[in-house]
């Protein structure tokens, strides 16, 4: 939308009958500069995220583009069979479906006919031009992502189409003799369309309740066609509904459809890790990394599972690789801090813990890493530093967090080591109150 904005301004200039001149372009030079910058940035982001793909030969891409151009118009007046994802044509095996060829014929024949029929009607031509200018870059001439269409792309372009359709409602523009009949026909059409759109909107909102309802709707409409739909629904079953069997079925279906998608293997590995099947999880992460060696999340997740299996060296090595690929990857620093702590490398544990907190100062889980740093600092005999860190852990820990008692006990020991038995006893009492078992020998040593 941002990239084509200056071209849309030129269309408005044409509609307002402004004379063409160098000044007309010069006054939009800043917009064109911003447009170029936005375009370059968008392409870089899409390439980096792996969303920029080739989908078939040039003619297949033309078929996809004309299909979107025509179907967006169809769905304006017939909003049925809406979907979160409209998959590309089946370019492997039997080739694109017949409707793609039909849309190509409609576009090739219909566009010239519409331009000829409306050649004397500037408002209608402007509406069509505004629609085309704002939709052209998302017609998948260059395939971005996994979908041939997306409903959200129509929000601004539809303004142009509605402008063209509403033009006959203006009696002066339509002409005095036939204006009434044209106006009546279009008004009747809009009145018929109104309840249809209201019903479609109500029904569509119901589909968007949650990820299960949304992606189940997509799967019903395009069964065994949309890998992302199965991955996304599997993610919902895994992380929200905690229905691991359903999540595994969806991940397996996604992998069956396309075993070359690293995200599917990574998500399947995370599910198996949560299910306690560490070896199978590592095999999934291995596959994800083989498909995409720079996949930092898979390196981090594999490292985390290795830590759980007490392979500390292997886990730390994997997580360090994730950090090398993404130096601001907070979760990787978090996992490595835990790994260093488990390995007794408390200096590095504190160093990574500080990086975790610095990368996301407002993260709700930061209290965990203040607690980890406090414990590691006490192991390094840095008692005053440990007390300050445990202060933060206690302050930030939510009410009812079971670790709060352990933090009080750890701070009690730090106070005792620092020579302040009164504060040590006070913290030990609070730890006891929170349900922590305080060693009787230590309790007596601090005067309890």
Protein backbone atom coordinates (compact mmCIF):
# COMPACT_ATOMS: atom_id res chain seq x y z
CA UNK A 1 0.00 0.00 0.00
CA UNK A 2 2.81 2.42 0.81
CA UNK A 3 4.80 1.57 -2.32
CA UNK A 4 1.98 2.40 -4.74
CA UNK A 5 0.71 5.45 -2.87
CA UNK A 6 2.31 8.07 -5.18
CA UNK A 7 0.85 6.29 -8.23
CA UNK A 8 -2.57 6.46 -6.58
CA UNK A 9 -2.00 10.21 -6.16
CA UNK A 10 -1.36 10.48 -9.90
CA UNK A 11 -4.66 8.70 -10.55
CA UNK A 12 -6.41 11.28 -8.37
CA UNK A 13 -4.69 14.06 -10.34
CA UNK A 14 -6.02 12.54 -13.57
CA UNK A 15 -9.53 12.35 -12.12
CA UNK A 16 -9.34 16.01 -11.09
CA UNK A 17 -8.17 16.91 -14.62
CA UNK A 18 -4.91 18.45 -13.48
CA UNK A 19 -2.65 19.25 -16.40
CA UNK A 20 0.37 16.99 -16.75
CA UNK A 21 3.63 18.78 -16.08
CA UNK A 22 7.05 18.20 -14.49
CA UNK A 23 5.73 20.02 -11.43
CA UNK A 24 3.08 17.33 -11.01
CA UNK A 25 5.81 14.73 -10.59
CA UNK A 26 8.14 17.00 -8.64
CA UNK A 27 5.57 17.67 -5.93
CA UNK A 28 5.38 13.91 -5.33
CA UNK A 29 9.13 13.32 -5.36
CA UNK A 30 9.27 12.84 -1.59
CA UNK A 31 6.51 10.25 -1.81
CA UNK A 32 8.31 8.42 -4.61
CA UNK A 33 11.49 8.38 -2.53
CA UNK A 34 9.59 6.95 0.44
CA UNK A 35 7.93 4.47 -1.92
CA UNK A 36 11.27 3.18 -3.21
CA UNK A 37 12.64 2.90 0.33
CA UNK A 38 9.55 1.03 1.51
CA UNK A 39 9.73 -1.30 -1.49
CA UNK A 40 13.39 -2.16 -0.92
CA UNK A 41 12.83 -2.69 2.81
CA UNK A 42 9.80 -4.90 2.15
CA UNK A 43 11.71 -7.09 -0.30
CA UNK A 44 14.64 -7.43 2.11
CA UNK A 45 12.33 -8.48 4.95
CA UNK A 46 10.47 -10.97 2.77
CA UNK A 47 13.71 -12.51 1.50
CA UNK A 48 15.13 -12.72 5.04
CA UNK A 49 11.99 -14.42 6.35
CA UNK A 50 11.92 -16.91 3.48
CA UNK A 51 8.55 -15.63 2.23
CA UNK A 52 9.77 -14.73 -1.26
CA UNK A 53 9.36 -17.79 -3.39
CA UNK A 54 9.03 -18.89 -6.98
CA UNK A 55 5.72 -20.54 -7.75
CA UNK A 56 5.91 -22.28 -11.12
CA UNK A 57 6.82 -20.94 -14.54
CA UNK A 58 6.07 -17.36 -15.70
CA UNK A 59 2.72 -18.32 -17.24
CA UNK A 60 1.62 -19.99 -14.01
CA UNK A 61 2.46 -16.78 -12.14
CA UNK A 62 0.39 -14.82 -14.69
CA UNK A 63 -2.47 -17.25 -14.10
CA UNK A 64 -2.18 -16.68 -10.35
CA UNK A 65 -2.14 -12.90 -10.80
CA UNK A 66 -5.18 -12.77 -13.10
CA UNK A 67 -7.01 -15.18 -10.79
CA UNK A 68 -6.49 -12.81 -7.86
CA UNK A 69 -7.42 -9.75 -9.94
CA UNK A 70 -10.74 -11.31 -10.98
CA UNK A 71 -11.60 -13.12 -7.76
CA UNK A 72 -11.14 -10.01 -5.64
CA UNK A 73 -13.86 -8.39 -7.77
CA UNK A 74 -16.07 -11.48 -7.48
CA UNK A 75 -15.74 -11.58 -3.71
CA UNK A 76 -16.80 -7.94 -3.45
CA UNK A 77 -20.26 -8.79 -4.77
CA UNK A 78 -20.34 -12.44 -3.68
CA UNK A 79 -18.46 -12.74 -0.37
CA UNK A 80 -18.63 -16.52 -0.14
CA UNK A 81 -16.02 -19.25 0.42
CA UNK A 82 -13.81 -16.77 2.28
CA UNK A 83 -10.63 -18.24 3.69
CA UNK A 84 -7.65 -17.18 5.78
CA UNK A 85 -5.43 -18.70 3.07
CA UNK A 86 -6.16 -19.12 -0.64
CA UNK A 87 -3.53 -21.64 -1.75
CA UNK A 88 -1.63 -21.39 -4.99
CA UNK A 89 -2.75 -23.60 -7.89
CA UNK A 90 -1.49 -27.13 -7.89
CA UNK A 91 1.63 -26.49 -9.95
CA UNK A 92 2.93 -30.01 -9.34
CA UNK A 93 1.29 -32.98 -10.99
CA UNK A 94 -1.91 -32.01 -12.75
CA UNK A 95 -1.21 -28.26 -12.91
CA UNK A 96 -3.46 -25.26 -12.16
CA UNK A 97 -7.18 -25.84 -11.69
CA UNK A 98 -9.64 -24.84 -14.46
CA UNK A 99 -10.83 -21.75 -12.58
CA UNK A 100 -7.39 -20.20 -13.01
CA UNK A 101 -7.65 -20.48 -16.77
CA UNK A 102 -11.22 -19.17 -16.66
CA UNK A 103 -10.10 -16.13 -14.65
CA UNK A 104 -7.32 -15.50 -17.17
CA UNK A 105 -9.85 -15.44 -20.03
CA UNK A 106 -12.17 -13.13 -18.09
CA UNK A 107 -9.31 -10.72 -17.37
CA UNK A 108 -7.95 -10.71 -20.94
CA UNK A 109 -11.40 -10.19 -22.47
CA UNK A 110 -13.18 -8.28 -19.72
CA UNK A 111 -10.63 -5.56 -18.94
CA UNK A 112 -10.43 -4.16 -22.51
CA UNK A 113 -14.24 -4.34 -22.83
CA UNK A 114 -14.72 -2.50 -19.52
CA UNK A 115 -12.24 0.21 -20.50
CA UNK A 116 -13.94 0.69 -23.86
CA UNK A 117 -17.46 0.77 -22.39
CA UNK A 118 -16.45 3.29 -19.72
CA UNK A 119 -14.12 5.39 -21.85
CA UNK A 120 -16.34 8.48 -21.48
CA UNK A 121 -17.05 8.02 -17.77
CA UNK A 122 -14.13 9.42 -15.83
CA UNK A 123 -15.39 8.53 -12.30
CA UNK A 124 -15.80 4.88 -13.24
CA UNK A 125 -12.41 4.76 -14.99
CA UNK A 126 -10.81 6.41 -11.98
CA UNK A 127 -12.36 3.80 -9.68
CA UNK A 128 -10.99 0.96 -11.79
CA UNK A 129 -7.58 2.62 -11.98
CA UNK A 130 -7.49 3.16 -8.21
CA UNK A 131 -8.41 -0.50 -7.68
CA UNK A 132 -5.74 -1.78 -10.06
CA UNK A 133 -2.98 0.53 -8.78
CA UNK A 134 -3.53 -0.55 -5.19
CA UNK A 135 -3.92 -4.27 -5.92
CA UNK A 136 -1.24 -4.80 -8.57
CA UNK A 137 1.71 -5.40 -6.22
CA UNK A 138 -0.11 -8.13 -4.27
CA UNK A 139 -1.26 -10.07 -7.34
CA UNK A 140 1.66 -12.50 -6.90
CA UNK A 141 3.48 -11.80 -10.16
CA UNK A 142 6.35 -12.24 -7.71
CA UNK A 143 5.19 -14.88 -5.27
CA UNK A 144 5.38 -13.68 -1.65
CA UNK A 145 4.32 -16.19 0.94
CA UNK A 146 2.12 -19.25 0.46
CA UNK A 147 -1.20 -17.70 -0.67
CA UNK A 148 -2.44 -16.56 -4.05
CA UNK A 149 -4.87 -14.12 -2.38
CA UNK A 150 -5.49 -12.49 0.98
CA UNK A 151 -8.70 -10.72 1.95
CA UNK A 152 -6.79 -8.00 3.81
CA UNK A 153 -5.22 -6.82 0.55
CA UNK A 154 -8.61 -5.53 -0.61
CA UNK A 155 -9.32 -2.99 2.12
CA UNK A 156 -7.95 0.00 0.22
CA UNK A 157 -8.41 -1.19 -3.42
CA UNK A 158 -12.13 -1.80 -2.84
CA UNK A 159 -12.54 1.95 -2.35
CA UNK A 160 -11.85 2.29 -6.07
CA UNK A 161 -14.26 -0.47 -7.08
CA UNK A 162 -17.05 0.89 -4.90
CA UNK A 163 -16.42 4.35 -6.33
CA UNK A 164 -16.87 2.93 -9.83
CA UNK A 165 -19.99 1.01 -8.84
CA UNK A 166 -21.54 3.95 -6.99
CA UNK A 167 -21.03 6.39 -9.87
CA UNK A 168 -24.38 5.55 -11.59
CA UNK A 169 -26.19 6.54 -8.37
CA UNK A 170 -25.32 10.15 -9.22
CA UNK A 171 -28.13 11.22 -11.55
CA UNK A 172 -26.16 14.12 -12.96
CA UNK A 173 -23.24 11.89 -13.90
CA UNK A 174 -25.46 9.13 -15.28
CA UNK A 175 -27.45 11.47 -17.49
CA UNK A 176 -30.95 12.93 -17.14
CA UNK A 177 -32.84 10.51 -19.41
CA UNK A 178 -31.54 7.14 -18.37
CA UNK A 179 -30.28 8.17 -14.98
CA UNK A 180 -33.36 6.98 -13.13
CA UNK A 181 -33.34 3.48 -14.56
CA UNK A 182 -29.58 3.02 -14.11
CA UNK A 183 -29.73 4.51 -10.66
CA UNK A 184 -32.65 2.27 -9.68
CA UNK A 185 -30.89 -0.83 -10.95
CA UNK A 186 -27.72 -0.09 -9.05
CA UNK A 187 -29.60 0.94 -5.93
CA UNK A 188 -31.53 -2.33 -6.03
CA UNK A 189 -28.28 -4.22 -6.44
CA UNK A 190 -26.76 -2.53 -3.41
CA UNK A 191 -29.88 -3.20 -1.34
CA UNK A 192 -29.72 -6.90 -2.25
CA UNK A 193 -25.99 -6.99 -1.47
CA UNK A 194 -26.36 -5.30 1.93
CA UNK A 195 -27.99 -8.19 3.85
CA UNK A 196 -25.69 -10.66 2.09
CA UNK A 197 -22.65 -8.74 3.30
CA UNK A 198 -24.08 -8.37 6.79
CA UNK A 199 -24.69 -12.11 7.03
CA UNK A 200 -21.26 -12.92 5.57
CA UNK A 201 -19.58 -10.56 8.05
CA UNK A 202 -21.38 -12.10 11.00
CA UNK A 203 -20.51 -15.61 9.84
CA UNK A 204 -16.90 -14.69 9.12
CA UNK A 205 -16.40 -13.11 12.55
CA UNK A 206 -17.56 -16.37 14.10
CA UNK A 207 -14.79 -18.20 12.22
CA UNK A 208 -12.18 -15.87 13.75
CA UNK A 209 -12.92 -16.89 17.36
CA UNK A 210 -9.54 -18.58 17.79
CA UNK A 211 -6.85 -20.40 15.85
CA UNK A 212 -8.73 -23.68 15.94
CA UNK A 213 -11.92 -22.31 14.37
CA UNK A 214 -9.99 -20.20 11.85
CA UNK A 215 -7.66 -22.87 10.53
CA UNK A 216 -10.27 -25.61 10.70
CA UNK A 217 -12.37 -23.44 8.38
CA UNK A 218 -9.44 -23.12 5.98
CA UNK A 219 -8.77 -26.86 6.08
CA UNK A 220 -12.44 -27.65 5.35
CA UNK A 221 -12.36 -25.39 2.30
CA UNK A 222 -8.94 -26.46 1.05
CA UNK A 223 -8.28 -29.92 2.52
CA UNK A 224 -4.73 -31.22 2.16
CA UNK A 225 -3.68 -28.03 0.36
CA UNK A 226 -2.44 -25.60 3.00
CA UNK A 227 0.60 -26.57 5.02
CA UNK A 228 0.46 -23.40 7.11
CA UNK A 229 -3.13 -24.12 8.17
CA UNK A 230 -2.13 -27.47 9.67
CA UNK A 231 0.98 -26.00 11.32
CA UNK A 232 -0.98 -23.11 12.83
CA UNK A 233 -3.81 -25.31 14.09
CA UNK A 234 -1.26 -27.74 15.48
CA UNK A 235 0.41 -24.85 17.31
CA UNK A 236 -2.98 -23.97 18.87
CA UNK A 237 -3.61 -27.57 19.94
CA UNK A 238 -0.09 -27.74 21.39
CA UNK A 239 0.31 -24.45 23.24
CA UNK A 240 -3.27 -23.38 24.00
CA UNK A 241 -5.54 -26.41 24.11
CA UNK A 242 -2.80 -28.79 25.34
CA UNK A 243 -4.25 -31.51 23.10
CA UNK A 244 -0.96 -33.11 22.14
CA UNK A 245 -2.42 -35.96 20.09
CA UNK A 246 -4.32 -33.54 17.83
CA UNK A 247 -1.29 -31.29 17.55
CA UNK A 248 0.89 -34.22 16.49
CA UNK A 249 -1.67 -35.28 13.88
CA UNK A 250 -1.68 -31.77 12.37
CA UNK A 251 2.12 -31.48 12.34
CA UNK A 252 2.35 -34.92 10.71
CA UNK A 253 -0.18 -33.88 8.08
CA UNK A 254 1.78 -30.71 7.33
CA UNK A 255 4.99 -32.74 6.94
CA UNK A 256 3.19 -35.25 4.70
CA UNK A 257 2.05 -32.39 2.45
CA UNK A 258 5.52 -30.87 2.31
CA UNK A 259 8.40 -32.52 4.19
CA UNK A 260 10.66 -29.63 3.19
CA UNK A 261 9.16 -27.07 5.60
CA UNK A 262 11.63 -26.57 8.49
CA UNK A 263 9.06 -24.84 10.72
CA UNK A 264 6.86 -27.95 10.72
CA UNK A 265 9.75 -30.11 11.93
CA UNK A 266 10.71 -27.52 14.56
CA UNK A 267 7.17 -27.26 15.94
CA UNK A 268 6.85 -31.04 15.95
CA UNK A 269 10.11 -31.25 17.89
CA UNK A 270 8.88 -28.74 20.47
CA UNK A 271 5.71 -30.78 20.93
CA UNK A 272 7.64 -34.03 21.42
CA UNK A 273 9.99 -32.30 23.88
CA UNK A 274 7.02 -31.11 25.95
CA UNK A 275 5.64 -34.64 25.73
CA UNK A 276 8.85 -35.97 27.28
CA UNK A 277 10.08 -37.67 24.11
CA UNK A 278 13.48 -36.02 23.95
CA UNK A 279 15.21 -38.33 21.47
CA UNK A 280 12.38 -37.99 18.94
CA UNK A 281 12.38 -34.23 19.48
CA UNK A 282 16.11 -34.01 18.72
CA UNK A 283 15.55 -35.99 15.50
CA UNK A 284 12.96 -33.39 14.42
CA UNK A 285 15.30 -30.51 15.19
CA UNK A 286 18.05 -32.31 13.25
CA UNK A 287 15.75 -32.39 10.23
CA UNK A 288 14.80 -28.71 10.61
CA UNK A 289 18.47 -27.71 10.77
CA UNK A 290 19.32 -29.89 7.76
CA UNK A 291 16.62 -28.10 5.76
CA UNK A 292 17.64 -24.64 6.97
CA UNK A 293 21.10 -24.51 8.58
CA UNK A 294 20.59 -20.88 9.68
CA UNK A 295 17.35 -21.75 11.56
CA UNK A 296 18.32 -20.29 14.94
CA UNK A 297 15.15 -21.44 16.75
CA UNK A 298 15.82 -25.06 15.87
CA UNK A 299 19.41 -24.79 17.14
CA UNK A 300 18.16 -23.23 20.38
CA UNK A 301 15.39 -25.79 20.85
CA UNK A 302 17.72 -28.71 20.20
CA UNK A 303 20.15 -27.23 22.70
CA UNK A 304 17.39 -26.92 25.27
CA UNK A 305 16.43 -30.58 24.90
CA UNK A 306 20.06 -31.62 25.21
CA UNK A 307 20.27 -29.69 28.47
CA UNK A 308 17.22 -31.57 29.74
CA UNK A 309 19.00 -34.82 28.82
CA UNK A 310 22.06 -33.61 30.79
CA UNK A 311 24.17 -33.27 27.65
CA UNK A 312 25.43 -29.91 28.90
CA UNK A 313 28.31 -29.48 26.47
CA UNK A 314 26.17 -30.38 23.46
CA UNK A 315 23.32 -28.18 24.62
CA UNK A 316 25.50 -25.14 25.25
CA UNK A 317 27.20 -25.61 21.86
CA UNK A 318 23.84 -25.69 20.03
CA UNK A 319 22.51 -22.66 21.88
CA UNK A 320 25.74 -20.76 21.21
CA UNK A 321 25.23 -21.48 17.51
CA UNK A 322 21.73 -19.99 17.74
CA UNK A 323 23.19 -16.85 19.36
CA UNK A 324 25.84 -16.59 16.65
CA UNK A 325 23.05 -16.66 14.05
CA UNK A 326 20.89 -14.17 15.97
CA UNK A 327 22.90 -12.09 18.48
CA UNK A 328 19.76 -10.55 20.05
CA UNK A 329 17.94 -13.86 20.57
CA UNK A 330 16.70 -13.51 24.15
CA UNK A 331 15.41 -17.07 24.54
CA UNK A 332 18.77 -18.49 23.49
CA UNK A 333 20.62 -16.42 26.10
CA UNK A 334 18.03 -17.59 28.65
CA UNK A 335 18.64 -21.25 27.80
CA UNK A 336 22.41 -20.83 27.80
CA UNK A 337 22.32 -19.08 31.17
CA UNK A 338 20.53 -22.11 32.57
CA UNK A 339 23.04 -24.40 30.86
CA UNK A 340 26.02 -22.56 32.31
CA UNK A 341 24.40 -22.65 35.74
CA UNK A 342 23.85 -26.40 35.47
CA UNK A 343 27.48 -26.82 34.38
CA UNK A 344 28.76 -24.77 37.34
CA UNK A 345 30.09 -21.99 35.09
CA UNK A 346 28.56 -19.27 37.23
CA UNK A 347 30.47 -16.34 35.76
CA UNK A 348 29.03 -17.04 32.32
CA UNK A 349 25.62 -17.79 33.80
CA UNK A 350 25.54 -14.28 35.33
CA UNK A 351 26.82 -12.75 32.10
CA UNK A 352 24.07 -14.39 30.02
CA UNK A 353 21.46 -13.62 32.67
CA UNK A 354 22.29 -9.92 32.44
CA UNK A 355 21.96 -10.10 28.67
CA UNK A 356 18.54 -11.73 29.01
CA UNK A 357 17.29 -8.89 31.19
CA UNK A 358 18.90 -6.18 29.04
CA UNK A 359 17.29 -7.48 25.83
CA UNK A 360 13.78 -7.31 27.30
CA UNK A 361 13.73 -5.18 30.47
CA UNK A 362 9.97 -5.49 30.89
CA UNK A 363 9.67 -9.23 30.28
CA UNK A 364 7.43 -10.83 32.92
CA UNK A 365 9.81 -13.78 33.37
CA UNK A 366 12.87 -11.68 34.20
CA UNK A 367 12.52 -12.52 37.89
CA UNK A 368 13.67 -16.05 37.04
CA UNK A 369 16.97 -14.74 35.73
CA UNK A 370 17.50 -12.36 38.61
CA UNK A 371 17.05 -15.43 40.80
CA UNK A 372 19.48 -17.45 38.70
CA UNK A 373 22.04 -14.63 38.75
CA UNK A 374 21.60 -14.25 42.48
CA UNK A 375 22.22 -17.93 43.08
CA UNK A 376 25.25 -17.94 40.77
CA UNK A 377 26.67 -14.81 42.41
CA UNK A 378 26.36 -16.45 45.82
CA UNK A 379 28.20 -19.49 44.45
CA UNK A 380 30.95 -17.07 43.41
CA UNK A 381 31.01 -15.64 46.96
CA UNK A 382 29.76 -12.29 45.69
CA UNK A 383 27.27 -11.97 48.51
CA UNK A 384 26.39 -8.26 48.22
CA UNK A 385 25.85 -8.64 44.49
CA UNK A 386 23.73 -11.72 45.14
CA UNK A 387 21.57 -9.82 47.64
CA UNK A 388 20.86 -7.04 45.12
CA UNK A 389 19.94 -9.55 42.42
CA UNK A 390 17.71 -11.57 44.76
CA UNK A 391 16.04 -8.33 45.86
CA UNK A 392 14.93 -7.89 42.22
CA UNK A 393 13.88 -11.53 41.92
CA UNK A 394 11.64 -11.20 44.99
CA UNK A 395 10.28 -7.82 43.89
CA UNK A 396 9.37 -9.00 40.38
CA UNK A 397 8.13 -12.51 41.19
CA UNK A 398 4.33 -12.65 40.94
CA UNK A 399 2.23 -13.41 44.00
CA UNK A 400 1.92 -17.13 44.50
CA UNK A 401 5.11 -17.92 42.58
CA UNK A 402 6.55 -20.98 44.40
CA UNK A 403 10.14 -19.83 43.80
CA UNK A 404 9.68 -16.79 46.03
CA UNK A 405 10.36 -18.86 49.12
CA UNK A 406 13.57 -20.23 47.59
CA UNK A 407 14.68 -16.69 46.75
CA UNK A 408 14.15 -15.62 50.37
CA UNK A 409 16.17 -18.58 51.61
CA UNK A 410 18.97 -17.88 49.14
CA UNK A 411 19.03 -14.23 50.19
CA UNK A 412 19.04 -15.34 53.83
CA UNK A 413 22.21 -17.35 53.19
CA UNK A 414 23.76 -14.36 51.39
CA UNK A 415 22.98 -12.12 54.38
CA UNK A 416 24.48 -14.73 56.70
CA UNK A 417 27.64 -14.90 54.60
CA UNK A 418 27.79 -11.11 54.64
CA UNK A 419 27.64 -11.17 58.48
CA UNK A 420 24.08 -9.85 58.96
CA UNK A 421 22.38 -12.60 60.99
CA UNK A 422 19.29 -10.50 61.80
CA UNK A 423 18.38 -10.06 58.16
CA UNK A 424 19.34 -13.65 57.47
CA UNK A 425 16.90 -14.81 60.17
CA UNK A 426 14.16 -12.50 58.88
CA UNK A 427 14.46 -13.93 55.36
CA UNK A 428 14.64 -17.50 56.65
CA UNK A 429 11.38 -16.95 58.56
CA UNK A 430 9.71 -15.65 55.41
CA UNK A 431 11.01 -18.64 53.46
CA UNK A 432 9.50 -20.95 56.07
CA UNK A 433 6.22 -19.09 55.93
CA UNK A 434 6.14 -19.64 52.18
CA UNK A 435 6.59 -23.37 52.64
CA UNK A 436 10.32 -23.82 52.13
CA UNK A 437 12.06 -26.44 54.27
CA UNK A 438 14.88 -24.59 56.07
CA UNK A 439 17.71 -26.85 57.24
CA UNK A 440 17.65 -27.10 61.05
CA UNK A 441 21.41 -26.69 61.37
CA UNK A 442 21.33 -23.49 59.34
CA UNK A 443 18.29 -22.29 61.31
CA UNK A 444 20.18 -22.66 64.58
CA UNK A 445 23.33 -21.10 63.14
CA UNK A 446 21.50 -17.84 62.44
CA UNK A 447 19.78 -17.82 65.84
CA UNK A 448 16.46 -19.32 64.88
